[in-house]
């Protein structure tokens, strides 16, 4: 009798739960992968990471670690660069999905994070080629190699700094403004350190602050702004198109 009543009873559709990043398996998998990347590198190459930071601050005139590192060292450094891109992609996804909740209805989070990670790889490759080209034209090879090493060092440490911020934002239900504020703080520190290193390496041939301002705006600030708004427009286009 009870079974018959249950069958005849009208079915009412429940209200679907809103999307939450803390319940997203893709984001959880990315954070776990980044945790293993960090653990592997720090357990095997902590001295190398520390030496890179010391060389950045002390500005030693020496042979670059790029030419003296082993293949294992370079693979570990590559893992750190990939980790930074993965965390930056998750950060952008968390910011955009709160502003446009319909994103998750168009594509799953894995698609969006993979798209942003592809943009990061493209941006990183273009910046690397641009630095190499400008160094080849205006400076000697040794200084250009030192600059690329310094740029990469900042990239590695940026990934270390982003990890706890993304972890807190995802699992403690922080708003997108939390990620934006801390990301801007870290990015500002990175840009200031880049100017410091650029002055140490290249500024003996220049006089005044005009070349520094032009460099900072043309090669650092403008590409970052264009990258952010470019991905924002790409996101909106995909939402509208599909």
C-alpha atoms as a PDB file:
ATOM      1  CA  UNK A   1       0.000   0.000   0.000  1.00  0.00           C
ATOM      2  CA  UNK A   2       2.749   2.423   0.960  1.00  0.00           C
ATOM      3  CA  UNK A   3       4.629   1.587  -2.227  1.00  0.00           C
ATOM      4  CA  UNK A   4       1.520   2.362  -4.299  1.00  0.00           C
ATOM      5  CA  UNK A   5       1.073   5.730  -2.603  1.00  0.00           C
ATOM      6  CA  UNK A   6       4.698   6.601  -3.248  1.00  0.00           C
ATOM      7  CA  UNK A   7       4.316   5.766  -6.929  1.00  0.00           C
ATOM      8  CA  UNK A   8       1.132   7.838  -7.263  1.00  0.00           C
ATOM      9  CA  UNK A   9       2.502  10.806  -5.335  1.00  0.00           C
ATOM     10  CA  UNK A  10       3.460  13.748  -7.557  1.00  0.00           C
ATOM     11  CA  UNK A  11       7.161  14.282  -8.036  1.00  0.00           C
ATOM     12  CA  UNK A  12       8.566  17.706  -7.275  1.00  0.00           C
ATOM     13  CA  UNK A  13      11.915  18.688  -8.759  1.00  0.00           C
ATOM     14  CA  UNK A  14      14.399  19.929  -6.240  1.00  0.00           C
ATOM     15  CA  UNK A  15      16.301  23.163  -6.524  1.00  0.00           C
ATOM     16  CA  UNK A  16      19.803  22.523  -7.881  1.00  0.00           C
ATOM     17  CA  UNK A  17      22.630  23.606  -5.631  1.00  0.00           C
ATOM     18  CA  UNK A  18      24.636  26.580  -6.876  1.00  0.00           C
ATOM     19  CA  UNK A  19      28.140  25.946  -8.155  1.00  0.00           C
ATOM     20  CA  UNK A  20      30.860  26.074  -5.511  1.00  0.00           C
ATOM     21  CA  UNK A  21      34.573  25.837  -6.170  1.00  0.00           C
ATOM     22  CA  UNK A  22      35.084  23.806  -2.986  1.00  0.00           C
ATOM     23  CA  UNK A  23      33.020  20.995  -4.525  1.00  0.00           C
ATOM     24  CA  UNK A  24      34.829  21.035  -7.863  1.00  0.00           C
ATOM     25  CA  UNK A  25      36.895  17.885  -8.396  1.00  0.00           C
ATOM     26  CA  UNK A  26      38.976  19.508 -11.154  1.00  0.00           C
ATOM     27  CA  UNK A  27      40.179  22.308  -8.885  1.00  0.00           C
ATOM     28  CA  UNK A  28      40.890  19.805  -6.131  1.00  0.00           C
ATOM     29  CA  UNK A  29      42.948  17.694  -8.553  1.00  0.00           C
ATOM     30  CA  UNK A  30      44.928  20.746  -9.703  1.00  0.00           C
ATOM     31  CA  UNK A  31      45.730  21.717  -6.117  1.00  0.00           C
ATOM     32  CA  UNK A  32      46.805  18.165  -5.285  1.00  0.00           C
ATOM     33  CA  UNK A  33      49.080  18.076  -8.354  1.00  0.00           C
ATOM     34  CA  UNK A  34      50.602  21.444  -7.393  1.00  0.00           C
ATOM     35  CA  UNK A  35      51.162  20.174  -3.847  1.00  0.00           C
ATOM     36  CA  UNK A  36      53.063  17.159  -5.184  1.00  0.00           C
ATOM     37  CA  UNK A  37      55.080  19.389  -7.542  1.00  0.00           C
ATOM     38  CA  UNK A  38      56.092  21.607  -4.626  1.00  0.00           C
ATOM     39  CA  UNK A  39      56.891  18.652  -2.375  1.00  0.00           C
ATOM     40  CA  UNK A  40      59.045  16.952  -5.021  1.00  0.00           C
ATOM     41  CA  UNK A  41      61.026  20.070  -5.878  1.00  0.00           C
ATOM     42  CA  UNK A  42      61.611  21.186  -2.287  1.00  0.00           C
ATOM     43  CA  UNK A  43      62.622  17.703  -1.157  1.00  0.00           C
ATOM     44  CA  UNK A  44      65.144  17.202  -3.957  1.00  0.00           C
ATOM     45  CA  UNK A  45      66.269  20.679  -4.999  1.00  0.00           C
ATOM     46  CA  UNK A  46      65.721  23.006  -2.045  1.00  0.00           C
ATOM     47  CA  UNK A  47      69.346  24.188  -2.239  1.00  0.00           C
ATOM     48  CA  UNK A  48      68.912  25.059  -5.916  1.00  0.00           C
ATOM     49  CA  UNK A  49      65.768  27.097  -5.203  1.00  0.00           C
ATOM     50  CA  UNK A  50      67.509  28.902  -2.365  1.00  0.00           C
ATOM     51  CA  UNK A  51      70.565  29.579  -4.526  1.00  0.00           C
ATOM     52  CA  UNK A  52      68.426  31.062  -7.285  1.00  0.00           C
ATOM     53  CA  UNK A  53      66.896  33.511  -4.832  1.00  0.00           C
ATOM     54  CA  UNK A  54      70.291  34.450  -3.349  1.00  0.00           C
ATOM     55  CA  UNK A  55      71.729  35.025  -6.816  1.00  0.00           C
ATOM     56  CA  UNK A  56      68.767  37.217  -7.686  1.00  0.00           C
ATOM     57  CA  UNK A  57      69.260  39.469  -4.660  1.00  0.00           C
ATOM     58  CA  UNK A  58      73.058  39.535  -4.534  1.00  0.00           C
ATOM     59  CA  UNK A  59      73.541  39.977  -8.278  1.00  0.00           C
ATOM     60  CA  UNK A  60      76.624  37.796  -8.575  1.00  0.00           C
ATOM     61  CA  UNK A  61      78.659  37.922 -11.727  1.00  0.00           C
ATOM     62  CA  UNK A  62      78.886  34.211 -12.472  1.00  0.00           C
ATOM     63  CA  UNK A  63      78.029  31.551 -14.951  1.00  0.00           C
ATOM     64  CA  UNK A  64      74.274  31.104 -15.149  1.00  0.00           C
ATOM     65  CA  UNK A  65      72.683  28.135 -13.436  1.00  0.00           C
ATOM     66  CA  UNK A  66      70.954  27.455 -16.745  1.00  0.00           C
ATOM     67  CA  UNK A  67      74.288  26.245 -18.124  1.00  0.00           C
ATOM     68  CA  UNK A  68      75.505  24.423 -14.998  1.00  0.00           C
ATOM     69  CA  UNK A  69      72.282  22.727 -13.887  1.00  0.00           C
ATOM     70  CA  UNK A  70      71.641  19.075 -14.565  1.00  0.00           C
ATOM     71  CA  UNK A  71      68.744  17.708 -16.551  1.00  0.00           C
ATOM     72  CA  UNK A  72      67.029  16.776 -13.276  1.00  0.00           C
ATOM     73  CA  UNK A  73      67.337  20.365 -12.049  1.00  0.00           C
ATOM     74  CA  UNK A  74      65.832  21.744 -15.235  1.00  0.00           C
ATOM     75  CA  UNK A  75      62.909  19.306 -15.074  1.00  0.00           C
ATOM     76  CA  UNK A  76      62.199  20.411 -11.519  1.00  0.00           C
ATOM     77  CA  UNK A  77      62.320  24.075 -12.503  1.00  0.00           C
ATOM     78  CA  UNK A  78      59.972  23.310 -15.369  1.00  0.00           C
ATOM     79  CA  UNK A  79      57.535  21.757 -12.878  1.00  0.00           C
ATOM     80  CA  UNK A  80      57.558  25.002 -10.905  1.00  0.00           C
ATOM     81  CA  UNK A  81      56.839  27.053 -14.021  1.00  0.00           C
ATOM     82  CA  UNK A  82      53.945  24.730 -14.879  1.00  0.00           C
ATOM     83  CA  UNK A  83      52.673  24.974 -11.300  1.00  0.00           C
ATOM     84  CA  UNK A  84      52.568  28.772 -11.500  1.00  0.00           C
ATOM     85  CA  UNK A  85      50.545  28.563 -14.713  1.00  0.00           C
ATOM     86  CA  UNK A  86      48.105  26.058 -13.234  1.00  0.00           C
ATOM     87  CA  UNK A  87      47.521  28.154 -10.121  1.00  0.00           C
ATOM     88  CA  UNK A  88      47.128  31.341 -12.152  1.00  0.00           C
ATOM     89  CA  UNK A  89      44.566  29.546 -14.337  1.00  0.00           C
ATOM     90  CA  UNK A  90      42.590  28.426 -11.277  1.00  0.00           C
ATOM     91  CA  UNK A  91      42.723  31.973  -9.892  1.00  0.00           C
ATOM     92  CA  UNK A  92      41.338  33.425 -13.123  1.00  0.00           C
ATOM     93  CA  UNK A  93      38.617  30.793 -13.232  1.00  0.00           C
ATOM     94  CA  UNK A  94      37.550  31.568  -9.656  1.00  0.00           C
ATOM     95  CA  UNK A  95      37.403  35.293 -10.465  1.00  0.00           C
ATOM     96  CA  UNK A  96      35.488  34.907 -13.714  1.00  0.00           C
ATOM     97  CA  UNK A  97      33.047  32.240 -12.512  1.00  0.00           C
ATOM     98  CA  UNK A  98      31.883  34.440  -9.649  1.00  0.00           C
ATOM     99  CA  UNK A  99      31.294  37.302 -12.057  1.00  0.00           C
ATOM    100  CA  UNK A 100      29.651  35.027 -14.672  1.00  0.00           C
ATOM    101  CA  UNK A 101      28.040  31.974 -13.009  1.00  0.00           C
ATOM    102  CA  UNK A 102      26.707  30.840 -16.402  1.00  0.00           C
ATOM    103  CA  UNK A 103      30.262  29.893 -17.364  1.00  0.00           C
ATOM    104  CA  UNK A 104      29.918  26.530 -15.693  1.00  0.00           C
ATOM    105  CA  UNK A 105      26.720  25.846 -17.641  1.00  0.00           C
ATOM    106  CA  UNK A 106      28.515  26.293 -20.967  1.00  0.00           C
ATOM    107  CA  UNK A 107      31.670  24.279 -20.270  1.00  0.00           C
ATOM    108  CA  UNK A 108      33.008  22.399 -17.290  1.00  0.00           C
ATOM    109  CA  UNK A 109      35.772  23.823 -15.119  1.00  0.00           C
ATOM    110  CA  UNK A 110      38.423  21.611 -16.717  1.00  0.00           C
ATOM    111  CA  UNK A 111      37.805  23.234 -20.107  1.00  0.00           C
ATOM    112  CA  UNK A 112      38.078  26.757 -18.724  1.00  0.00           C
ATOM    113  CA  UNK A 113      41.203  26.042 -16.691  1.00  0.00           C
ATOM    114  CA  UNK A 114      42.848  24.325 -19.674  1.00  0.00           C
ATOM    115  CA  UNK A 115      41.982  27.341 -21.850  1.00  0.00           C
ATOM    116  CA  UNK A 116      43.528  29.789 -19.388  1.00  0.00           C
ATOM    117  CA  UNK A 117      46.579  27.561 -18.970  1.00  0.00           C
ATOM    118  CA  UNK A 118      47.061  27.542 -22.747  1.00  0.00           C
ATOM    119  CA  UNK A 119      46.945  31.354 -22.742  1.00  0.00           C
ATOM    120  CA  UNK A 120      49.547  31.358 -19.960  1.00  0.00           C
ATOM    121  CA  UNK A 121      51.883  29.116 -21.972  1.00  0.00           C
ATOM    122  CA  UNK A 122      51.477  31.325 -25.031  1.00  0.00           C
ATOM    123  CA  UNK A 123      52.142  34.464 -22.997  1.00  0.00           C
ATOM    124  CA  UNK A 124      55.190  32.934 -21.305  1.00  0.00           C
ATOM    125  CA  UNK A 125      56.615  31.753 -24.646  1.00  0.00           C
ATOM    126  CA  UNK A 126      56.145  35.159 -26.291  1.00  0.00           C
ATOM    127  CA  UNK A 127      57.742  36.972 -23.333  1.00  0.00           C
ATOM    128  CA  UNK A 128      60.703  34.576 -23.385  1.00  0.00           C
ATOM    129  CA  UNK A 129      61.221  35.104 -27.123  1.00  0.00           C
ATOM    130  CA  UNK A 130      60.871  38.866 -26.745  1.00  0.00           C
ATOM    131  CA  UNK A 131      63.413  39.032 -23.934  1.00  0.00           C
ATOM    132  CA  UNK A 132      65.803  36.881 -25.946  1.00  0.00           C
ATOM    133  CA  UNK A 133      65.401  39.056 -29.045  1.00  0.00           C
ATOM    134  CA  UNK A 134      65.913  42.342 -27.182  1.00  0.00           C
ATOM    135  CA  UNK A 135      68.913  40.931 -25.345  1.00  0.00           C
ATOM    136  CA  UNK A 136      70.432  39.724 -28.597  1.00  0.00           C
ATOM    137  CA  UNK A 137      69.963  43.165 -30.190  1.00  0.00           C
ATOM    138  CA  UNK A 138      70.962  45.493 -27.356  1.00  0.00           C
ATOM    139  CA  UNK A 139      73.002  43.465 -24.868  1.00  0.00           C
ATOM    140  CA  UNK A 140      75.436  40.574 -24.650  1.00  0.00           C
ATOM    141  CA  UNK A 141      74.438  36.938 -24.316  1.00  0.00           C
ATOM    142  CA  UNK A 142      75.653  36.512 -20.719  1.00  0.00           C
ATOM    143  CA  UNK A 143      73.500  39.322 -19.340  1.00  0.00           C
ATOM    144  CA  UNK A 144      70.503  38.163 -21.322  1.00  0.00           C
ATOM    145  CA  UNK A 145      70.874  34.654 -19.876  1.00  0.00           C
ATOM    146  CA  UNK A 146      71.138  36.078 -16.359  1.00  0.00           C
ATOM    147  CA  UNK A 147      67.991  38.112 -16.940  1.00  0.00           C
ATOM    148  CA  UNK A 148      66.049  35.082 -18.181  1.00  0.00           C
ATOM    149  CA  UNK A 149      67.168  33.163 -15.115  1.00  0.00           C
ATOM    150  CA  UNK A 150      66.065  36.012 -12.839  1.00  0.00           C
ATOM    151  CA  UNK A 151      62.708  36.277 -14.596  1.00  0.00           C
ATOM    152  CA  UNK A 152      62.165  32.549 -14.177  1.00  0.00           C
ATOM    153  CA  UNK A 153      63.138  32.713 -10.496  1.00  0.00           C
ATOM    154  CA  UNK A 154      60.397  35.256  -9.846  1.00  0.00           C
ATOM    155  CA  UNK A 155      57.970  33.029 -11.716  1.00  0.00           C
ATOM    156  CA  UNK A 156      58.845  30.035  -9.535  1.00  0.00           C
ATOM    157  CA  UNK A 157      58.387  31.962  -6.298  1.00  0.00           C
ATOM    158  CA  UNK A 158      55.139  33.469  -7.535  1.00  0.00           C
ATOM    159  CA  UNK A 159      53.763  29.934  -7.740  1.00  0.00           C
ATOM    160  CA  UNK A 160      54.783  29.297  -4.121  1.00  0.00           C
ATOM    161  CA  UNK A 161      52.996  32.470  -3.036  1.00  0.00           C
ATOM    162  CA  UNK A 162      49.824  31.765  -5.004  1.00  0.00           C
ATOM    163  CA  UNK A 163      49.286  28.266  -3.637  1.00  0.00           C
ATOM    164  CA  UNK A 164      48.069  29.167  -0.102  1.00  0.00           C
ATOM    165  CA  UNK A 165      45.976  32.042  -1.495  1.00  0.00           C
ATOM    166  CA  UNK A 166      44.129  29.762  -3.932  1.00  0.00           C
ATOM    167  CA  UNK A 167      43.740  27.128  -1.222  1.00  0.00           C
ATOM    168  CA  UNK A 168      42.126  29.622   1.173  1.00  0.00           C
ATOM    169  CA  UNK A 169      39.942  31.146  -1.532  1.00  0.00           C
ATOM    170  CA  UNK A 170      38.604  27.785  -2.708  1.00  0.00           C
ATOM    171  CA  UNK A 171      37.964  26.018   0.596  1.00  0.00           C
ATOM    172  CA  UNK A 172      37.103  28.956   2.849  1.00  0.00           C
ATOM    173  CA  UNK A 173      34.556  30.448   0.447  1.00  0.00           C
ATOM    174  CA  UNK A 174      36.378  33.726  -0.089  1.00  0.00           C
ATOM    175  CA  UNK A 175      35.118  36.153  -2.722  1.00  0.00           C
ATOM    176  CA  UNK A 176      36.922  36.926  -5.956  1.00  0.00           C
ATOM    177  CA  UNK A 177      38.116  40.212  -4.426  1.00  0.00           C
ATOM    178  CA  UNK A 178      40.300  38.198  -2.030  1.00  0.00           C
ATOM    179  CA  UNK A 179      42.176  36.607  -4.937  1.00  0.00           C
ATOM    180  CA  UNK A 180      42.344  39.891  -6.862  1.00  0.00           C
ATOM    181  CA  UNK A 181      43.820  41.836  -3.932  1.00  0.00           C
ATOM    182  CA  UNK A 182      46.520  39.312  -3.098  1.00  0.00           C
ATOM    183  CA  UNK A 183      47.307  38.646  -6.756  1.00  0.00           C
ATOM    184  CA  UNK A 184      47.804  42.368  -7.349  1.00  0.00           C
ATOM    185  CA  UNK A 185      50.046  42.578  -4.278  1.00  0.00           C
ATOM    186  CA  UNK A 186      52.205  39.668  -5.444  1.00  0.00           C
ATOM    187  CA  UNK A 187      52.270  40.960  -9.024  1.00  0.00           C
ATOM    188  CA  UNK A 188      53.345  44.426  -7.850  1.00  0.00           C
ATOM    189  CA  UNK A 189      56.172  42.930  -5.796  1.00  0.00           C
ATOM    190  CA  UNK A 190      57.293  40.870  -8.799  1.00  0.00           C
ATOM    191  CA  UNK A 191      57.290  43.907 -11.091  1.00  0.00           C
ATOM    192  CA  UNK A 192      59.266  45.994  -8.591  1.00  0.00           C
ATOM    193  CA  UNK A 193      61.857  43.227  -8.277  1.00  0.00           C
ATOM    194  CA  UNK A 194      62.045  42.975 -12.058  1.00  0.00           C
ATOM    195  CA  UNK A 195      62.815  46.688 -12.311  1.00  0.00           C
ATOM    196  CA  UNK A 196      65.462  46.301  -9.605  1.00  0.00           C
ATOM    197  CA  UNK A 197      67.128  43.443 -11.469  1.00  0.00           C
ATOM    198  CA  UNK A 198      66.881  45.202 -14.808  1.00  0.00           C
ATOM    199  CA  UNK A 199      68.638  48.265 -13.361  1.00  0.00           C
ATOM    200  CA  UNK A 200      71.397  46.072 -11.906  1.00  0.00           C
ATOM    201  CA  UNK A 201      71.996  44.259 -15.188  1.00  0.00           C
ATOM    202  CA  UNK A 202      71.420  46.772 -17.945  1.00  0.00           C
ATOM    203  CA  UNK A 203      71.328  50.349 -16.690  1.00  0.00           C
ATOM    204  CA  UNK A 204      74.999  51.237 -16.779  1.00  0.00           C
ATOM    205  CA  UNK A 205      74.508  52.251 -20.425  1.00  0.00           C
ATOM    206  CA  UNK A 206      71.441  54.407 -19.725  1.00  0.00           C
ATOM    207  CA  UNK A 207      70.959  57.678 -17.868  1.00  0.00           C
ATOM    208  CA  UNK A 208      67.803  58.897 -16.168  1.00  0.00           C
ATOM    209  CA  UNK A 209      64.511  57.180 -15.425  1.00  0.00           C
ATOM    210  CA  UNK A 210      62.834  57.521 -18.836  1.00  0.00           C
ATOM    211  CA  UNK A 211      64.194  54.201 -20.256  1.00  0.00           C
ATOM    212  CA  UNK A 212      63.055  52.405 -17.097  1.00  0.00           C
ATOM    213  CA  UNK A 213      59.530  53.839 -17.331  1.00  0.00           C
ATOM    214  CA  UNK A 214      59.285  53.003 -21.036  1.00  0.00           C
ATOM    215  CA  UNK A 215      60.508  49.463 -20.427  1.00  0.00           C
ATOM    216  CA  UNK A 216      58.168  48.895 -17.502  1.00  0.00           C
ATOM    217  CA  UNK A 217      55.096  50.115 -19.398  1.00  0.00           C
ATOM    218  CA  UNK A 218      55.883  48.495 -22.747  1.00  0.00           C
ATOM    219  CA  UNK A 219      57.126  45.077 -21.657  1.00  0.00           C
ATOM    220  CA  UNK A 220      55.531  44.507 -18.262  1.00  0.00           C
ATOM    221  CA  UNK A 221      52.367  46.445 -17.418  1.00  0.00           C
ATOM    222  CA  UNK A 222      50.773  46.648 -20.866  1.00  0.00           C
ATOM    223  CA  UNK A 223      51.099  42.902 -21.702  1.00  0.00           C
ATOM    224  CA  UNK A 224      49.602  41.941 -18.315  1.00  0.00           C
ATOM    225  CA  UNK A 225      46.633  44.263 -18.802  1.00  0.00           C
ATOM    226  CA  UNK A 226      46.111  43.064 -22.374  1.00  0.00           C
ATOM    227  CA  UNK A 227      46.338  39.428 -21.274  1.00  0.00           C
ATOM    228  CA  UNK A 228      43.741  39.865 -18.534  1.00  0.00           C
ATOM    229  CA  UNK A 229      41.230  41.742 -20.669  1.00  0.00           C
ATOM    230  CA  UNK A 230      41.914  39.454 -23.603  1.00  0.00           C
ATOM    231  CA  UNK A 231      40.974  36.382 -21.553  1.00  0.00           C
ATOM    232  CA  UNK A 232      37.962  38.229 -20.140  1.00  0.00           C
ATOM    233  CA  UNK A 233      36.734  39.027 -23.642  1.00  0.00           C
ATOM    234  CA  UNK A 234      37.446  35.466 -24.769  1.00  0.00           C
ATOM    235  CA  UNK A 235      35.405  34.131 -21.849  1.00  0.00           C
ATOM    236  CA  UNK A 236      32.469  36.400 -22.643  1.00  0.00           C
ATOM    237  CA  UNK A 237      32.651  35.486 -26.320  1.00  0.00           C
ATOM    238  CA  UNK A 238      32.523  31.745 -25.582  1.00  0.00           C
ATOM    239  CA  UNK A 239      29.590  32.235 -23.187  1.00  0.00           C
ATOM    240  CA  UNK A 240      27.615  34.164 -25.794  1.00  0.00           C
ATOM    241  CA  UNK A 241      28.640  31.982 -28.757  1.00  0.00           C
ATOM    242  CA  UNK A 242      27.958  28.617 -27.171  1.00  0.00           C
END
